[in-house]
PDB file of all heavy atoms in Angstrom:
ATOM      1  N   GLU A   1     -30.274 -27.886   2.362  1.00  0.00           N
ATOM      2  CA  GLU A   1     -31.275 -28.232   3.315  1.00  0.00           C
ATOM      3  C   GLU A   1     -30.793 -29.397   4.254  1.00  0.00           C
ATOM      4  O   GLU A   1     -31.088 -29.499   5.435  1.00  0.00           O
ATOM      5  CB  GLU A   1     -32.594 -28.590   2.667  1.00  0.00           C
ATOM      6  CG  GLU A   1     -33.781 -28.638   3.604  1.00  0.00           C
ATOM      7  CD  GLU A   1     -34.079 -30.119   4.034  1.00  0.00           C
ATOM      8  OE1 GLU A   1     -33.519 -31.086   3.425  1.00  0.00           O
ATOM      9  OE2 GLU A   1     -34.860 -30.276   5.016  1.00  0.00           O
ATOM     10  N   TYR A   2     -29.939 -30.306   3.614  1.00  0.00           N
ATOM     11  CA  TYR A   2     -29.404 -31.382   4.368  1.00  0.00           C
ATOM     12  C   TYR A   2     -28.506 -30.865   5.586  1.00  0.00           C
ATOM     13  O   TYR A   2     -28.698 -31.270   6.708  1.00  0.00           O
ATOM     14  CB  TYR A   2     -28.667 -32.348   3.506  1.00  0.00           C
ATOM     15  CG  TYR A   2     -27.959 -33.474   4.319  1.00  0.00           C
ATOM     16  CD1 TYR A   2     -28.631 -34.399   4.905  1.00  0.00           C
ATOM     17  CD2 TYR A   2     -26.544 -33.373   4.495  1.00  0.00           C
ATOM     18  CE1 TYR A   2     -28.033 -35.440   5.696  1.00  0.00           C
ATOM     19  CE2 TYR A   2     -25.868 -34.316   5.164  1.00  0.00           C
ATOM     20  CZ  TYR A   2     -26.622 -35.353   5.842  1.00  0.00           C
ATOM     21  OH  TYR A   2     -25.988 -36.312   6.514  1.00  0.00           O
ATOM     22  N   LEU A   3     -27.588 -30.021   5.144  1.00  0.00           N
ATOM     23  CA  LEU A   3     -26.653 -29.461   6.195  1.00  0.00           C
ATOM     24  C   LEU A   3     -27.312 -28.599   7.229  1.00  0.00           C
ATOM     25  O   LEU A   3     -27.062 -28.756   8.455  1.00  0.00           O
ATOM     26  CB  LEU A   3     -25.507 -28.786   5.545  1.00  0.00           C
ATOM     27  CG  LEU A   3     -24.540 -29.650   4.635  1.00  0.00           C
ATOM     28  CD1 LEU A   3     -23.441 -28.678   4.017  1.00  0.00           C
ATOM     29  CD2 LEU A   3     -23.793 -30.649   5.580  1.00  0.00           C
ATOM     30  N   LEU A   4     -28.113 -27.654   6.774  1.00  0.00           N
ATOM     31  CA  LEU A   4     -28.620 -26.601   7.603  1.00  0.00           C
ATOM     32  C   LEU A   4     -29.852 -27.018   8.467  1.00  0.00           C
ATOM     33  O   LEU A   4     -30.001 -26.548   9.575  1.00  0.00           O
ATOM     34  CB  LEU A   4     -29.020 -25.351   6.854  1.00  0.00           C
ATOM     35  CG  LEU A   4     -27.758 -24.783   6.073  1.00  0.00           C
ATOM     36  CD1 LEU A   4     -28.254 -23.372   5.393  1.00  0.00           C
ATOM     37  CD2 LEU A   4     -26.624 -24.437   6.957  1.00  0.00           C
ATOM     38  N   THR A   5     -30.651 -27.852   7.922  1.00  0.00           N
ATOM     39  CA  THR A   5     -31.875 -28.308   8.595  1.00  0.00           C
ATOM     40  C   THR A   5     -31.770 -29.766   9.182  1.00  0.00           C
ATOM     41  O   THR A   5     -31.850 -29.969  10.388  1.00  0.00           O
ATOM     42  CB  THR A   5     -33.111 -28.163   7.713  1.00  0.00           C
ATOM     43  OG1 THR A   5     -33.280 -26.768   7.423  1.00  0.00           O
ATOM     44  CG2 THR A   5     -34.383 -28.608   8.414  1.00  0.00           C
ATOM     45  N   GLN A   6     -31.574 -30.761   8.222  1.00  0.00           N
ATOM     46  CA  GLN A   6     -31.538 -32.099   8.656  1.00  0.00           C
ATOM     47  C   GLN A   6     -30.352 -32.367   9.620  1.00  0.00           C
ATOM     48  O   GLN A   6     -30.595 -32.997  10.653  1.00  0.00           O
ATOM     49  CB  GLN A   6     -31.421 -33.044   7.448  1.00  0.00           C
ATOM     50  CG  GLN A   6     -32.662 -33.015   6.555  1.00  0.00           C
ATOM     51  CD  GLN A   6     -32.504 -33.989   5.378  1.00  0.00           C
ATOM     52  OE1 GLN A   6     -31.977 -35.028   5.519  1.00  0.00           O
ATOM     53  NE2 GLN A   6     -32.906 -33.526   4.195  1.00  0.00           N
ATOM     54  N   LEU A   7     -29.190 -31.856   9.267  1.00  0.00           N
ATOM     55  CA  LEU A   7     -28.044 -32.149  10.127  1.00  0.00           C
ATOM     56  C   LEU A   7     -27.959 -31.248  11.322  1.00  0.00           C
ATOM     57  O   LEU A   7     -27.980 -31.722  12.512  1.00  0.00           O
ATOM     58  CB  LEU A   7     -26.857 -32.043   9.231  1.00  0.00           C
ATOM     59  CG  LEU A   7     -25.407 -32.414   9.967  1.00  0.00           C
ATOM     60  CD1 LEU A   7     -25.470 -33.865  10.538  1.00  0.00           C
ATOM     61  CD2 LEU A   7     -24.312 -32.260   8.968  1.00  0.00           C
ATOM     62  N   LEU A   8     -27.953 -29.964  11.127  1.00  0.00           N
ATOM     63  CA  LEU A   8     -27.716 -29.002  12.169  1.00  0.00           C
ATOM     64  C   LEU A   8     -28.789 -28.811  13.143  1.00  0.00           C
ATOM     65  O   LEU A   8     -28.673 -28.949  14.370  1.00  0.00           O
ATOM     66  CB  LEU A   8     -27.305 -27.574  11.593  1.00  0.00           C
ATOM     67  CG  LEU A   8     -27.039 -26.481  12.642  1.00  0.00           C
ATOM     68  CD1 LEU A   8     -25.843 -26.776  13.499  1.00  0.00           C
ATOM     69  CD2 LEU A   8     -26.843 -25.110  11.900  1.00  0.00           C
ATOM     70  N   LYS A   9     -30.052 -28.611  12.565  1.00  0.00           N
ATOM     71  CA  LYS A   9     -31.216 -28.359  13.478  1.00  0.00           C
ATOM     72  C   LYS A   9     -31.844 -29.650  14.008  1.00  0.00           C
ATOM     73  O   LYS A   9     -32.194 -29.731  15.188  1.00  0.00           O
ATOM     74  CB  LYS A   9     -32.261 -27.564  12.713  1.00  0.00           C
ATOM     75  CG  LYS A   9     -31.780 -26.132  12.376  1.00  0.00           C
ATOM     76  CD  LYS A   9     -32.915 -25.340  11.668  1.00  0.00           C
ATOM     77  CE  LYS A   9     -32.517 -23.940  11.341  1.00  0.00           C
ATOM     78  NZ  LYS A   9     -33.591 -23.186  10.667  1.00  0.00           N
ATOM     79  N   GLU A  10     -31.966 -30.655  13.174  1.00  0.00           N
ATOM     80  CA  GLU A  10     -32.714 -31.833  13.524  1.00  0.00           C
ATOM     81  C   GLU A  10     -31.837 -32.859  14.219  1.00  0.00           C
ATOM     82  O   GLU A  10     -32.046 -33.222  15.357  1.00  0.00           O
ATOM     83  CB  GLU A  10     -33.441 -32.418  12.378  1.00  0.00           C
ATOM     84  CG  GLU A  10     -34.522 -31.578  11.773  1.00  0.00           C
ATOM     85  CD  GLU A  10     -35.149 -32.025  10.496  1.00  0.00           C
ATOM     86  OE1 GLU A  10     -34.728 -33.084  10.036  1.00  0.00           O
ATOM     87  OE2 GLU A  10     -36.040 -31.352   9.974  1.00  0.00           O
ATOM     88  N   GLU A  11     -30.763 -33.251  13.531  1.00  0.00           N
ATOM     89  CA  GLU A  11     -29.886 -34.311  14.144  1.00  0.00           C
ATOM     90  C   GLU A  11     -29.121 -33.767  15.317  1.00  0.00           C
ATOM     91  O   GLU A  11     -29.016 -34.426  16.375  1.00  0.00           O
ATOM     92  CB  GLU A  11     -28.910 -34.858  13.040  1.00  0.00           C
ATOM     93  CG  GLU A  11     -27.987 -35.918  13.685  1.00  0.00           C
ATOM     94  CD  GLU A  11     -26.997 -36.427  12.573  1.00  0.00           C
ATOM     95  OE1 GLU A  11     -27.354 -36.487  11.376  1.00  0.00           O
ATOM     96  OE2 GLU A  11     -25.839 -36.765  12.982  1.00  0.00           O
ATOM     97  N   MET A  12     -28.446 -32.563  15.145  1.00  0.00           N
ATOM     98  CA  MET A  12     -27.636 -32.078  16.189  1.00  0.00           C
ATOM     99  C   MET A  12     -28.440 -31.197  17.290  1.00  0.00           C
ATOM    100  O   MET A  12     -27.913 -30.857  18.263  1.00  0.00           O
ATOM    101  CB  MET A  12     -26.535 -31.130  15.597  1.00  0.00           C
ATOM    102  CG  MET A  12     -25.569 -31.945  14.650  1.00  0.00           C
ATOM    103  SD  MET A  12     -24.470 -30.891  13.750  1.00  0.00           S
ATOM    104  CE  MET A  12     -23.402 -30.292  15.124  1.00  0.00           C
ATOM    105  N   GLY A  13     -29.642 -30.958  16.950  1.00  0.00           N
ATOM    106  CA  GLY A  13     -30.538 -30.293  17.922  1.00  0.00           C
ATOM    107  C   GLY A  13     -30.312 -28.796  18.177  1.00  0.00           C
ATOM    108  O   GLY A  13     -30.594 -28.295  19.277  1.00  0.00           O
ATOM    109  N   PHE A  14     -29.726 -28.048  17.263  1.00  0.00           N
ATOM    110  CA  PHE A  14     -29.395 -26.689  17.406  1.00  0.00           C
ATOM    111  C   PHE A  14     -30.665 -25.898  17.483  1.00  0.00           C
ATOM    112  O   PHE A  14     -31.495 -25.865  16.561  1.00  0.00           O
ATOM    113  CB  PHE A  14     -28.529 -26.165  16.268  1.00  0.00           C
ATOM    114  CG  PHE A  14     -28.243 -24.717  16.416  1.00  0.00           C
ATOM    115  CD1 PHE A  14     -27.575 -24.160  17.476  1.00  0.00           C
ATOM    116  CD2 PHE A  14     -28.532 -23.832  15.287  1.00  0.00           C
ATOM    117  CE1 PHE A  14     -27.302 -22.787  17.550  1.00  0.00           C
ATOM    118  CE2 PHE A  14     -28.301 -22.492  15.396  1.00  0.00           C
ATOM    119  CZ  PHE A  14     -27.629 -21.957  16.522  1.00  0.00           C
ATOM    120  N   GLN A  15     -30.899 -25.125  18.582  1.00  0.00           N
ATOM    121  CA  GLN A  15     -32.111 -24.413  18.846  1.00  0.00           C
ATOM    122  C   GLN A  15     -31.862 -22.875  18.664  1.00  0.00           C
ATOM    123  O   GLN A  15     -32.802 -22.122  18.881  1.00  0.00           O
ATOM    124  CB  GLN A  15     -32.617 -24.648  20.270  1.00  0.00           C
ATOM    125  CG  GLN A  15     -32.933 -26.119  20.558  1.00  0.00           C
ATOM    126  CD  GLN A  15     -34.139 -26.593  19.652  1.00  0.00           C
ATOM    127  OE1 GLN A  15     -35.124 -25.890  19.516  1.00  0.00           O
ATOM    128  NE2 GLN A  15     -33.976 -27.761  19.036  1.00  0.00           N
ATOM    129  N   GLY A  16     -30.611 -22.492  18.310  1.00  0.00           N
ATOM    130  CA  GLY A  16     -30.326 -21.065  18.255  1.00  0.00           C
ATOM    131  C   GLY A  16     -30.634 -20.485  16.923  1.00  0.00           C
ATOM    132  O   GLY A  16     -31.356 -20.953  16.098  1.00  0.00           O
ATOM    133  N   LEU A  17     -29.942 -19.359  16.648  1.00  0.00           N
ATOM    134  CA  LEU A  17     -30.185 -18.544  15.435  1.00  0.00           C
ATOM    135  C   LEU A  17     -29.178 -18.860  14.370  1.00  0.00           C
ATOM    136  O   LEU A  17     -27.931 -18.797  14.665  1.00  0.00           O
ATOM    137  CB  LEU A  17     -30.077 -17.054  15.879  1.00  0.00           C
ATOM    138  CG  LEU A  17     -30.081 -15.947  14.842  1.00  0.00           C
ATOM    139  CD1 LEU A  17     -31.347 -15.986  13.965  1.00  0.00           C
ATOM    140  CD2 LEU A  17     -29.983 -14.568  15.497  1.00  0.00           C
ATOM    141  N   LEU A  18     -29.660 -19.189  13.201  1.00  0.00           N
ATOM    142  CA  LEU A  18     -28.770 -19.468  12.141  1.00  0.00           C
ATOM    143  C   LEU A  18     -28.808 -18.321  11.106  1.00  0.00           C
ATOM    144  O   LEU A  18     -29.792 -18.004  10.511  1.00  0.00           O
ATOM    145  CB  LEU A  18     -29.267 -20.742  11.318  1.00  0.00           C
ATOM    146  CG  LEU A  18     -28.438 -21.237  10.166  1.00  0.00           C
ATOM    147  CD1 LEU A  18     -27.065 -21.506  10.517  1.00  0.00           C
ATOM    148  CD2 LEU A  18     -29.111 -22.421   9.493  1.00  0.00           C
ATOM    149  N   VAL A  19     -27.598 -17.644  10.988  1.00  0.00           N
ATOM    150  CA  VAL A  19     -27.523 -16.496  10.263  1.00  0.00           C
ATOM    151  C   VAL A  19     -26.711 -16.652   8.983  1.00  0.00           C
ATOM    152  O   VAL A  19     -25.734 -17.529   8.909  1.00  0.00           O
ATOM    153  CB  VAL A  19     -26.878 -15.270  11.065  1.00  0.00           C
ATOM    154  CG1 VAL A  19     -25.447 -15.579  11.487  1.00  0.00           C
ATOM    155  CG2 VAL A  19     -26.905 -13.975  10.350  1.00  0.00           C
ATOM    156  N   SER A  20     -27.029 -15.993   7.826  1.00  0.00           N
ATOM    157  CA  SER A  20     -26.293 -16.101   6.675  1.00  0.00           C
ATOM    158  C   SER A  20     -25.002 -15.220   6.701  1.00  0.00           C
ATOM    159  O   SER A  20     -24.898 -14.420   7.615  1.00  0.00           O
ATOM    160  CB  SER A  20     -27.065 -15.689   5.450  1.00  0.00           C
ATOM    161  OG  SER A  20     -27.150 -14.297   5.356  1.00  0.00           O
ATOM    162  N   ASP A  21     -24.065 -15.459   5.799  1.00  0.00           N
ATOM    163  CA  ASP A  21     -22.975 -14.623   5.672  1.00  0.00           C
ATOM    164  C   ASP A  21     -23.295 -13.469   4.817  1.00  0.00           C
ATOM    165  O   ASP A  21     -24.336 -13.435   4.209  1.00  0.00           O
ATOM    166  CB  ASP A  21     -21.683 -15.428   5.164  1.00  0.00           C
ATOM    167  CG  ASP A  21     -20.392 -14.853   5.730  1.00  0.00           C
ATOM    168  OD1 ASP A  21     -20.347 -13.584   5.949  1.00  0.00           O
ATOM    169  OD2 ASP A  21     -19.374 -15.642   5.909  1.00  0.00           O
ATOM    170  N   TRP A  22     -22.309 -12.597   4.625  1.00  0.00           N
ATOM    171  CA  TRP A  22     -22.506 -11.285   3.882  1.00  0.00           C
ATOM    172  C   TRP A  22     -22.982 -11.562   2.465  1.00  0.00           C
ATOM    173  O   TRP A  22     -22.182 -12.009   1.576  1.00  0.00           O
ATOM    174  CB  TRP A  22     -21.205 -10.601   3.921  1.00  0.00           C
ATOM    175  CG  TRP A  22     -21.072  -9.277   3.225  1.00  0.00           C
ATOM    176  CD1 TRP A  22     -20.868  -9.095   1.894  1.00  0.00           C
ATOM    177  CD2 TRP A  22     -21.191  -7.945   3.756  1.00  0.00           C
ATOM    178  NE1 TRP A  22     -20.845  -7.706   1.565  1.00  0.00           N
ATOM    179  CE2 TRP A  22     -21.016  -7.053   2.711  1.00  0.00           C
ATOM    180  CE3 TRP A  22     -21.380  -7.454   5.120  1.00  0.00           C
ATOM    181  CZ2 TRP A  22     -21.084  -5.599   2.970  1.00  0.00           C
ATOM    182  CZ3 TRP A  22     -21.447  -6.081   5.200  1.00  0.00           C
ATOM    183  CH2 TRP A  22     -21.312  -5.220   4.255  1.00  0.00           C
ATOM    184  N   LYS A  23     -24.262 -11.205   2.101  1.00  0.00           N
ATOM    185  CA  LYS A  23     -24.809 -11.328   0.796  1.00  0.00           C
ATOM    186  C   LYS A  23     -24.630 -12.710   0.180  1.00  0.00           C
ATOM    187  O   LYS A  23     -24.592 -12.915  -0.971  1.00  0.00           O
ATOM    188  CB  LYS A  23     -24.133 -10.327  -0.177  1.00  0.00           C
ATOM    189  CG  LYS A  23     -24.436  -8.843   0.215  1.00  0.00           C
ATOM    190  CD  LYS A  23     -23.781  -7.880  -0.770  1.00  0.00           C
ATOM    191  CE  LYS A  23     -24.435  -7.794  -2.150  1.00  0.00           C
ATOM    192  NZ  LYS A  23     -23.881  -6.672  -2.941  1.00  0.00           N
ATOM    193  N   ALA A  24     -24.496 -13.732   1.085  1.00  0.00           N
ATOM    194  CA  ALA A  24     -24.193 -15.084   0.653  1.00  0.00           C
ATOM    195  C   ALA A  24     -25.249 -15.728  -0.199  1.00  0.00           C
ATOM    196  O   ALA A  24     -25.009 -16.514  -1.062  1.00  0.00           O
ATOM    197  CB  ALA A  24     -23.900 -16.011   1.881  1.00  0.00           C
ATOM    198  N   LEU A  25     -26.548 -15.364   0.109  1.00  0.00           N
ATOM    199  CA  LEU A  25     -27.648 -15.924  -0.720  1.00  0.00           C
ATOM    200  C   LEU A  25     -27.469 -15.588  -2.151  1.00  0.00           C
ATOM    201  O   LEU A  25     -27.940 -16.371  -3.029  1.00  0.00           O
ATOM    202  CB  LEU A  25     -28.993 -15.432  -0.224  1.00  0.00           C
ATOM    203  CG  LEU A  25     -29.480 -15.891   1.162  1.00  0.00           C
ATOM    204  CD1 LEU A  25     -30.936 -15.618   1.371  1.00  0.00           C
ATOM    205  CD2 LEU A  25     -29.131 -17.302   1.474  1.00  0.00           C
ATOM    206  N   GLU A  26     -26.869 -14.480  -2.465  1.00  0.00           N
ATOM    207  CA  GLU A  26     -26.701 -14.047  -3.904  1.00  0.00           C
ATOM    208  C   GLU A  26     -25.646 -14.856  -4.682  1.00  0.00           C
ATOM    209  O   GLU A  26     -25.432 -14.673  -5.814  1.00  0.00           O
ATOM    210  CB  GLU A  26     -26.381 -12.525  -3.955  1.00  0.00           C
ATOM    211  CG  GLU A  26     -27.565 -11.686  -3.384  1.00  0.00           C
ATOM    212  CD  GLU A  26     -27.310 -10.236  -3.401  1.00  0.00           C
ATOM    213  OE1 GLU A  26     -26.510  -9.745  -4.397  1.00  0.00           O
ATOM    214  OE2 GLU A  26     -27.798  -9.516  -2.493  1.00  0.00           O
ATOM    215  N   GLN A  27     -24.947 -15.796  -3.906  1.00  0.00           N
ATOM    216  CA  GLN A  27     -24.018 -16.732  -4.597  1.00  0.00           C
ATOM    217  C   GLN A  27     -24.745 -17.994  -5.014  1.00  0.00           C
ATOM    218  O   GLN A  27     -24.100 -18.817  -5.649  1.00  0.00           O
ATOM    219  CB  GLN A  27     -22.887 -17.010  -3.679  1.00  0.00           C
ATOM    220  CG  GLN A  27     -22.001 -15.804  -3.369  1.00  0.00           C
ATOM    221  CD  GLN A  27     -20.681 -16.259  -2.647  1.00  0.00           C
ATOM    222  OE1 GLN A  27     -20.400 -17.407  -2.505  1.00  0.00           O
ATOM    223  NE2 GLN A  27     -19.934 -15.286  -2.210  1.00  0.00           N
ATOM    224  N   LEU A  28     -26.021 -18.143  -4.611  1.00  0.00           N
ATOM    225  CA  LEU A  28     -26.783 -19.369  -4.988  1.00  0.00           C
ATOM    226  C   LEU A  28     -27.224 -19.299  -6.460  1.00  0.00           C
ATOM    227  O   LEU A  28     -27.267 -18.184  -7.009  1.00  0.00           O
ATOM    228  CB  LEU A  28     -27.955 -19.555  -4.032  1.00  0.00           C
ATOM    229  CG  LEU A  28     -27.669 -19.750  -2.572  1.00  0.00           C
ATOM    230  CD1 LEU A  28     -28.899 -19.860  -1.769  1.00  0.00           C
ATOM    231  CD2 LEU A  28     -26.731 -21.081  -2.370  1.00  0.00           C
ATOM    232  N   PRO A  29     -27.517 -20.446  -7.045  1.00  0.00           N
ATOM    233  CA  PRO A  29     -27.896 -20.457  -8.470  1.00  0.00           C
ATOM    234  C   PRO A  29     -29.262 -19.722  -8.695  1.00  0.00           C
ATOM    235  O   PRO A  29     -30.070 -19.620  -7.796  1.00  0.00           O
ATOM    236  CB  PRO A  29     -28.051 -21.890  -8.820  1.00  0.00           C
ATOM    237  CG  PRO A  29     -27.257 -22.586  -7.759  1.00  0.00           C
ATOM    238  CD  PRO A  29     -27.467 -21.777  -6.546  1.00  0.00           C
ATOM    239  N   GLY A  30     -29.429 -19.238  -9.954  1.00  0.00           N
ATOM    240  CA  GLY A  30     -30.727 -18.723 -10.429  1.00  0.00           C
ATOM    241  C   GLY A  30     -30.986 -17.284 -10.164  1.00  0.00           C
ATOM    242  O   GLY A  30     -30.001 -16.512  -9.902  1.00  0.00           O
ATOM    243  N   SER A  31     -32.257 -16.874 -10.254  1.00  0.00           N
ATOM    244  CA  SER A  31     -32.620 -15.468 -10.075  1.00  0.00           C
ATOM    245  C   SER A  31     -32.539 -15.159  -8.590  1.00  0.00           C
ATOM    246  O   SER A  31     -32.376 -15.951  -7.750  1.00  0.00           O
ATOM    247  CB  SER A  31     -33.990 -15.258 -10.644  1.00  0.00           C
ATOM    248  OG  SER A  31     -34.975 -15.944  -9.824  1.00  0.00           O
ATOM    249  N   TYR A  32     -32.784 -13.834  -8.307  1.00  0.00           N
ATOM    250  CA  TYR A  32     -32.816 -13.402  -6.878  1.00  0.00           C
ATOM    251  C   TYR A  32     -33.903 -14.054  -6.190  1.00  0.00           C
ATOM    252  O   TYR A  32     -33.746 -14.551  -5.041  1.00  0.00           O
ATOM    253  CB  TYR A  32     -32.992 -11.918  -6.843  1.00  0.00           C
ATOM    254  CG  TYR A  32     -32.797 -11.378  -5.394  1.00  0.00           C
ATOM    255  CD1 TYR A  32     -31.580 -11.383  -4.701  1.00  0.00           C
ATOM    256  CD2 TYR A  32     -33.814 -10.838  -4.747  1.00  0.00           C
ATOM    257  CE1 TYR A  32     -31.413 -10.941  -3.457  1.00  0.00           C
ATOM    258  CE2 TYR A  32     -33.718 -10.284  -3.438  1.00  0.00           C
ATOM    259  CZ  TYR A  32     -32.539 -10.368  -2.822  1.00  0.00           C
ATOM    260  OH  TYR A  32     -32.349  -9.930  -1.538  1.00  0.00           O
ATOM    261  N   ASN A  33     -35.045 -14.297  -6.839  1.00  0.00           N
ATOM    262  CA  ASN A  33     -36.214 -14.961  -6.254  1.00  0.00           C
ATOM    263  C   ASN A  33     -35.735 -16.400  -5.831  1.00  0.00           C
ATOM    264  O   ASN A  33     -36.068 -16.965  -4.803  1.00  0.00           O
ATOM    265  CB  ASN A  33     -37.373 -15.054  -7.159  1.00  0.00           C
ATOM    266  CG  ASN A  33     -38.167 -13.801  -7.205  1.00  0.00           C
ATOM    267  OD1 ASN A  33     -37.729 -12.741  -6.738  1.00  0.00           O
ATOM    268  ND2 ASN A  33     -39.401 -13.896  -7.654  1.00  0.00           N
ATOM    269  N   ASP A  34     -35.082 -17.048  -6.819  1.00  0.00           N
ATOM    270  CA  ASP A  34     -34.596 -18.435  -6.553  1.00  0.00           C
ATOM    271  C   ASP A  34     -33.628 -18.476  -5.401  1.00  0.00           C
ATOM    272  O   ASP A  34     -33.651 -19.437  -4.600  1.00  0.00           O
ATOM    273  CB  ASP A  34     -33.905 -18.983  -7.828  1.00  0.00           C
ATOM    274  CG  ASP A  34     -34.869 -19.097  -9.010  1.00  0.00           C
ATOM    275  OD1 ASP A  34     -36.036 -19.275  -8.844  1.00  0.00           O
ATOM    276  OD2 ASP A  34     -34.339 -19.058 -10.162  1.00  0.00           O
ATOM    277  N   GLN A  35     -32.693 -17.513  -5.349  1.00  0.00           N
ATOM    278  CA  GLN A  35     -31.659 -17.473  -4.300  1.00  0.00           C
ATOM    279  C   GLN A  35     -32.341 -17.311  -2.919  1.00  0.00           C
ATOM    280  O   GLN A  35     -31.955 -18.072  -1.967  1.00  0.00           O
ATOM    281  CB  GLN A  35     -30.715 -16.325  -4.602  1.00  0.00           C
ATOM    282  CG  GLN A  35     -29.870 -16.508  -5.845  1.00  0.00           C
ATOM    283  CD  GLN A  35     -29.164 -15.305  -6.299  1.00  0.00           C
ATOM    284  OE1 GLN A  35     -29.573 -14.212  -5.916  1.00  0.00           O
ATOM    285  NE2 GLN A  35     -28.115 -15.439  -7.184  1.00  0.00           N
TER     286      GLN A  35
END
């Protein structure tokens, strides 16, 4: 959340579309719900 929201969207002011990479959420810890 620091990199994607606080840094990219808020500090840097990015107003565009932030897309994930290929099935990248499934590399995050925990269950699919958690990811």
